[in-house]
Structures are given as structure tokens and as C-alpha cells.
Amino acid sequence: MILFVKLLLAHLLGDFLLQPNSWVADKELKKHKSVYLYKHIAIHGLLALLLSASFWFWPYALLLAGLHGLIDWLKLRFQKEQTKRAWFILDQLLHLVVIAAIALLYNKVDCSRYVIDDRFWIYFTAVIGLSMPASIIIKNVISIWTPDEMDAGDTNEAKTAKPSDLQNAGKYIGILERLFVFFFILSGNFASIGFLMAAKSIFRFGDLTQAKDRKLTEYVLIGTLISFGLAIATGYLVKYALTALL
């Protein structure tokens, strides 16, 4: 476990702290011909070796550096201007998978001992249910009350149709808040739920005041309460399901 943490630290240092923006720009321009790509790969290998605190880790550090370079090359080769965000996320996920695999390989962990049990499926189903499905359900439930001037493009974060609004921001805010509430319930951190709702109310207060529309205020309140209610109910259902497995 500690090796994974050290390799993750090496990755964070190499990818974010020890890689200037000028290196990134040069790599994106010259791709595999950029000398900074190979400097970046070498830094990752050296950091992995140093933080592992073992000379005998060098073959694994070399493997990690090579795979890191391959992933970076794939990103530089295939990413477009409009797909940079997607490639960044995929790039980081692949690096994490490589780090985990090398840590398991070096420690000779028997992965056959780890199986996906019923708890995984309960958690996974709850998380998926609280994402887009919950957004669609809430949107349809409260659509009867949607104010005429509203763009009911989201669940509980109703947003006025203004050019300054972030696209689909309300939808993702709703999903994130439900997931936060869900994990707060599972961890027994109930005070944080009140803090989250209070923080959201403060940020929404300005919009609702400027709107001067009671329907808008009620619409947002209904959506918020339904969203929080779904998350809380799902949290308790999951806790009950987990208890039933024992």
C-alpha cells in the first residue's frame, strides 16, 4: 500500500509540480520529437526509483517510466483541441492503473484473493442511480411547476437561460451534491449535510433575490429538497442492504 502512495506522489510531482507549462506546450507542438517529452519520462523514472527507497526497484521504475511515456505519446498523438479534456482525464486514469499494477507486481500481491462481492454491486448501483437517472427523474417530477422563463435543463439546480451560465453546470452540481450527501450518510457525518445545504442556499440567494419571482424560488426549493431526499433515502437503503448481507 505504501509503495502505491509513494509512486502516486512521484506521479503528482512529475506531472504537475516538475513539468512547466513551456514543456507541455512544446510537447503538444512537436509531439514525439520534443526533447521535453523524454526529460519528463526520465523524471518520472527517477522519482519512482528515489521514492521507492530501493535500488532493486530499478526495473519497475524503468517499466513505469516507459509506460508513462507511451501513455503520454498516445495522448499527444491522438488528442485534438476539442478533446483535450477527455484525453487529460483518460491520461490520468491510465497512469493510476499503471501505478497500481506496478505496486501490485512488485509486492507480488495475489489478486485472485480479491473478488467483487455483493457490496460492490450495492454501492455501484446507488452511485449510478444518484447520477443521471436521478437528474432525469427529478426533472420530470418538477416539470409541471417549471416557470415559463426557466430553462428546465436540470434537476434541482434550475437555471435561467442566460449566456453567462455554464453549460449543464446545474446538472453536475445536482449530481455532485447527491453523491456528497450519499457518502455523508454512509459515514454518519450528518452535520456535513446541513453545512452543504446551507452553503448552497447562500450561493443561490443572490439569484433568487434578483429573480424577484416566487415561482422560481419555490421551483428551486422543491428540486433541492427532492434531490437531497433521494440521496438520503438511497444512503439509508444502502446501509440497510449492507446490514442484510451480514
Protein backbone atom coordinates (compact mmCIF):
# COMPACT_ATOMS: atom_id res chain seq x y z
CA MET A 1 0.00 0.00 0.00
CA ILE A 2 2.76 2.45 0.96
CA LEU A 3 4.54 1.77 -2.34
CA PHE A 4 1.41 2.79 -4.24
CA VAL A 5 1.27 6.02 -2.21
CA LYS A 6 4.94 6.75 -2.95
CA LEU A 7 4.50 6.09 -6.67
CA LEU A 8 1.40 8.27 -6.68
CA LEU A 9 3.44 11.04 -5.04
CA ALA A 10 6.11 10.60 -7.71
CA HIS A 11 3.42 10.94 -10.37
CA LEU A 12 1.97 14.09 -8.82
CA LEU A 13 5.42 15.65 -8.55
CA GLY A 14 6.45 14.69 -12.05
CA ASP A 15 3.22 15.53 -13.85
CA PHE A 16 2.20 18.72 -12.06
CA LEU A 17 5.00 20.28 -10.00
CA LEU A 18 8.07 19.48 -12.10
CA GLN A 19 6.56 19.98 -15.54
CA PRO A 20 6.48 23.67 -16.59
CA ASN A 21 3.81 24.91 -18.97
CA SER A 22 6.53 25.56 -21.54
CA TRP A 23 7.29 21.83 -21.60
CA VAL A 24 3.63 20.99 -22.13
CA ALA A 25 3.33 23.49 -24.98
CA ASP A 26 6.49 22.17 -26.64
CA LYS A 27 5.28 18.58 -26.37
CA GLU A 28 1.90 19.44 -27.88
CA LEU A 29 3.63 21.24 -30.75
CA LYS A 30 6.42 18.76 -31.54
CA LYS A 31 4.86 15.62 -30.06
CA HIS A 32 7.37 12.72 -30.00
CA LYS A 33 10.10 14.99 -31.38
CA SER A 34 10.02 17.16 -28.27
CA VAL A 35 13.08 16.69 -26.06
CA TYR A 36 10.93 17.65 -23.07
CA LEU A 37 8.84 14.51 -23.52
CA TYR A 38 11.90 12.38 -22.80
CA LYS A 39 13.03 14.62 -19.94
CA HIS A 40 9.54 14.22 -18.48
CA ILE A 41 9.74 10.43 -18.81
CA ALA A 42 13.19 10.35 -17.19
CA ILE A 43 11.99 12.47 -14.26
CA HIS A 44 9.14 10.04 -13.60
CA GLY A 45 11.51 7.08 -13.62
CA LEU A 46 13.99 8.77 -11.29
CA LEU A 47 11.30 9.93 -8.88
CA ALA A 48 9.80 6.43 -8.73
CA LEU A 49 13.22 4.93 -8.00
CA LEU A 50 14.13 7.53 -5.37
CA LEU A 51 10.82 7.38 -3.52
CA SER A 52 10.75 3.58 -3.55
CA ALA A 53 13.97 3.77 -1.48
CA SER A 54 15.21 0.52 -3.01
CA PHE A 55 17.89 0.05 -5.67
CA TRP A 56 16.26 -3.23 -6.69
CA PHE A 57 13.18 -1.34 -7.77
CA TRP A 58 15.00 -0.02 -10.86
CA PRO A 59 13.45 -2.49 -13.37
CA TYR A 60 9.98 -1.49 -12.18
CA ALA A 61 10.89 2.22 -12.27
CA LEU A 62 12.11 1.72 -15.84
CA LEU A 63 8.87 -0.05 -16.73
CA LEU A 64 6.79 2.68 -15.11
CA ALA A 65 8.69 5.39 -16.98
CA GLY A 66 8.29 3.55 -20.29
CA LEU A 67 4.55 3.05 -19.84
CA HIS A 68 4.17 6.65 -18.73
CA GLY A 69 5.90 7.78 -21.90
CA LEU A 70 3.71 5.52 -24.03
CA ILE A 71 0.51 6.91 -22.48
CA ASP A 72 1.74 10.48 -22.95
CA TRP A 73 2.66 9.76 -26.56
CA LEU A 74 -0.80 8.35 -27.25
CA LYS A 75 -2.38 11.48 -25.80
CA LEU A 76 -0.14 13.78 -27.84
CA ARG A 77 -0.73 11.74 -30.97
CA PHE A 78 -4.49 11.49 -30.89
CA GLN A 79 -5.85 14.41 -28.87
CA LYS A 80 -7.49 17.33 -30.68
CA GLU A 81 -8.22 20.79 -29.42
CA GLN A 82 -11.85 19.84 -28.70
CA THR A 83 -10.89 16.55 -26.99
CA LYS A 84 -8.15 17.83 -24.66
CA ARG A 85 -10.28 17.50 -21.54
CA ALA A 86 -11.31 13.92 -22.33
CA TRP A 87 -7.73 12.93 -23.11
CA PHE A 88 -6.46 14.56 -19.91
CA ILE A 89 -8.90 12.51 -17.82
CA LEU A 90 -8.11 9.30 -19.70
CA ASP A 91 -4.38 10.00 -19.45
CA GLN A 92 -4.53 10.39 -15.66
CA LEU A 93 -6.71 7.30 -15.23
CA LEU A 94 -4.28 5.18 -17.25
CA HIS A 95 -1.35 6.46 -15.19
CA LEU A 96 -3.17 5.46 -11.99
CA VAL A 97 -3.85 1.98 -13.38
CA VAL A 98 -0.16 1.57 -14.28
CA ILE A 99 0.96 2.76 -10.83
CA ALA A 100 -1.43 0.34 -9.11
CA ALA A 101 -0.35 -2.55 -11.36
CA ILE A 102 3.35 -1.96 -10.74
CA ALA A 103 2.81 -1.68 -6.98
CA LEU A 104 0.91 -4.99 -7.01
CA LEU A 105 3.52 -6.63 -9.23
CA TYR A 106 6.47 -5.51 -7.09
CA ASN A 107 4.79 -6.62 -3.86
CA LYS A 108 3.72 -9.90 -5.52
CA VAL A 109 0.14 -9.42 -4.38
CA ASP A 110 -2.15 -12.33 -5.20
CA CYS A 111 -5.04 -10.53 -6.94
CA SER A 112 -7.09 -13.73 -7.02
CA ARG A 113 -7.85 -13.16 -3.34
CA TYR A 114 -9.76 -10.00 -4.20
CA VAL A 115 -13.16 -10.57 -5.74
CA ILE A 116 -16.10 -8.31 -6.48
CA ASP A 117 -18.64 -9.12 -3.81
CA ASP A 118 -22.27 -8.11 -3.29
CA ARG A 119 -21.31 -4.90 -1.51
CA PHE A 120 -19.68 -3.56 -4.66
CA TRP A 121 -22.87 -4.01 -6.67
CA ILE A 122 -24.92 -2.26 -3.99
CA TYR A 123 -22.57 0.75 -3.89
CA PHE A 124 -22.22 0.87 -7.67
CA THR A 125 -25.97 0.74 -8.28
CA ALA A 126 -26.57 3.52 -5.74
CA VAL A 127 -23.94 5.80 -7.27
CA ILE A 128 -25.24 5.27 -10.81
CA GLY A 129 -28.81 5.82 -9.64
CA LEU A 130 -27.93 9.13 -8.00
CA SER A 131 -26.25 10.47 -11.13
CA MET A 132 -28.10 10.93 -14.42
CA PRO A 133 -31.12 8.73 -13.62
CA ALA A 134 -31.92 10.85 -10.54
CA SER A 135 -31.49 14.04 -12.59
CA ILE A 136 -33.99 12.84 -15.18
CA ILE A 137 -36.46 11.66 -12.53
CA ILE A 138 -36.36 14.97 -10.65
CA LYS A 139 -36.63 16.97 -13.86
CA ASN A 140 -39.77 15.10 -14.86
CA VAL A 141 -41.31 15.26 -11.39
CA ILE A 142 -40.97 19.05 -11.10
CA SER A 143 -41.55 19.87 -14.78
CA ILE A 144 -45.19 20.67 -14.01
CA TRP A 145 -44.02 23.65 -11.95
CA THR A 146 -41.30 24.91 -14.31
CA PRO A 147 -41.56 28.71 -14.59
CA ASP A 148 -42.07 29.92 -18.15
CA GLU A 149 -38.84 31.91 -18.23
CA MET A 150 -36.80 29.00 -16.94
CA ASP A 151 -34.73 26.58 -18.94
CA ALA A 152 -35.58 23.39 -17.08
CA GLY A 153 -32.44 21.69 -18.23
CA ASP A 154 -31.61 20.32 -14.85
CA THR A 155 -32.84 18.67 -11.75
CA ASN A 156 -32.57 20.74 -8.64
CA GLU A 157 -30.29 23.48 -9.90
CA ALA A 158 -32.77 25.38 -12.03
CA LYS A 159 -31.00 28.00 -14.07
CA THR A 160 -32.18 30.96 -16.00
CA ALA A 161 -31.37 30.96 -19.68
CA LYS A 162 -28.50 33.43 -19.59
CA PRO A 163 -25.46 33.43 -21.87
CA SER A 164 -23.21 33.72 -18.80
CA ASP A 165 -24.40 30.42 -17.33
CA LEU A 166 -22.07 27.42 -17.58
CA GLN A 167 -23.45 24.74 -19.86
CA ASN A 168 -25.08 21.92 -17.86
CA ALA A 169 -23.46 23.27 -14.68
CA GLY A 170 -26.65 22.84 -12.68
CA LYS A 171 -26.94 19.21 -13.73
CA TYR A 172 -23.46 18.36 -12.48
CA ILE A 173 -23.93 20.39 -9.30
CA GLY A 174 -27.02 18.33 -8.56
CA ILE A 175 -25.20 15.05 -9.18
CA LEU A 176 -22.25 16.05 -7.01
CA GLU A 177 -24.42 17.21 -4.13
CA ARG A 178 -26.38 13.94 -4.16
CA LEU A 179 -23.16 11.92 -4.10
CA PHE A 180 -21.80 14.05 -1.26
CA VAL A 181 -24.99 13.56 0.77
CA PHE A 182 -24.95 9.82 0.00
CA PHE A 183 -21.42 9.36 1.31
CA PHE A 184 -22.12 11.61 4.29
CA ILE A 185 -24.99 9.27 5.22
CA LEU A 186 -22.81 6.17 4.86
CA SER A 187 -20.06 7.71 7.00
CA GLY A 188 -22.51 9.01 9.61
CA ASN A 189 -21.39 12.59 9.01
CA PHE A 190 -24.85 14.14 9.23
CA ALA A 191 -23.66 17.62 10.20
CA SER A 192 -21.98 17.98 6.81
CA ILE A 193 -25.33 17.56 5.08
CA GLY A 194 -26.66 20.64 6.85
CA PHE A 195 -23.48 22.54 6.00
CA LEU A 196 -23.83 21.57 2.33
CA MET A 197 -27.43 22.71 2.17
CA ALA A 198 -26.61 25.97 3.95
CA ALA A 199 -23.69 26.66 1.60
CA LYS A 200 -25.87 26.01 -1.43
CA SER A 201 -28.61 28.29 -0.08
CA ILE A 202 -26.11 31.12 0.37
CA PHE A 203 -24.82 30.82 -3.18
CA ARG A 204 -28.33 30.64 -4.63
CA PHE A 205 -29.66 33.53 -2.53
CA GLY A 206 -28.42 36.20 -4.95
CA ASP A 207 -30.02 34.55 -7.99
CA LEU A 208 -33.35 34.10 -6.25
CA THR A 209 -33.33 37.67 -4.94
CA GLN A 210 -32.59 39.11 -8.36
CA ALA A 211 -35.25 36.95 -9.98
CA LYS A 212 -37.98 38.52 -7.80
CA ASP A 213 -40.11 35.56 -8.73
CA ARG A 214 -41.76 33.45 -6.06
CA LYS A 215 -42.35 30.63 -8.56
CA LEU A 216 -38.63 30.43 -9.29
CA THR A 217 -37.80 30.29 -5.57
CA GLU A 218 -40.34 27.53 -4.96
CA TYR A 219 -39.18 25.63 -8.04
CA VAL A 220 -35.56 25.62 -6.86
CA LEU A 221 -36.59 24.70 -3.31
CA ILE A 222 -38.73 21.76 -4.45
CA GLY A 223 -35.96 20.45 -6.69
CA THR A 224 -33.37 20.80 -3.94
CA LEU A 225 -35.48 19.02 -1.34
CA ILE A 226 -36.29 16.16 -3.73
CA SER A 227 -32.62 15.84 -4.63
CA PHE A 228 -31.47 15.75 -1.01
CA GLY A 229 -34.34 13.42 -0.13
CA LEU A 230 -33.35 10.94 -2.83
CA ALA A 231 -29.74 10.97 -1.67
CA ILE A 232 -30.68 10.49 1.99
CA ALA A 233 -33.16 7.71 1.20
CA THR A 234 -30.61 5.95 -1.01
CA GLY A 235 -28.00 6.20 1.72
CA TYR A 236 -30.25 4.56 4.30
CA LEU A 237 -31.39 1.90 1.83
CA VAL A 238 -27.79 1.02 1.10
CA LYS A 239 -27.00 0.82 4.82
CA TYR A 240 -29.98 -1.48 5.30
CA ALA A 241 -28.95 -3.64 2.33
CA LEU A 242 -25.42 -3.96 3.66
CA THR A 243 -26.74 -4.96 7.07
CA ALA A 244 -28.97 -7.59 5.47
CA LEU A 245 -25.91 -9.16 3.87
CA LEU A 246 -24.36 -9.93 7.26
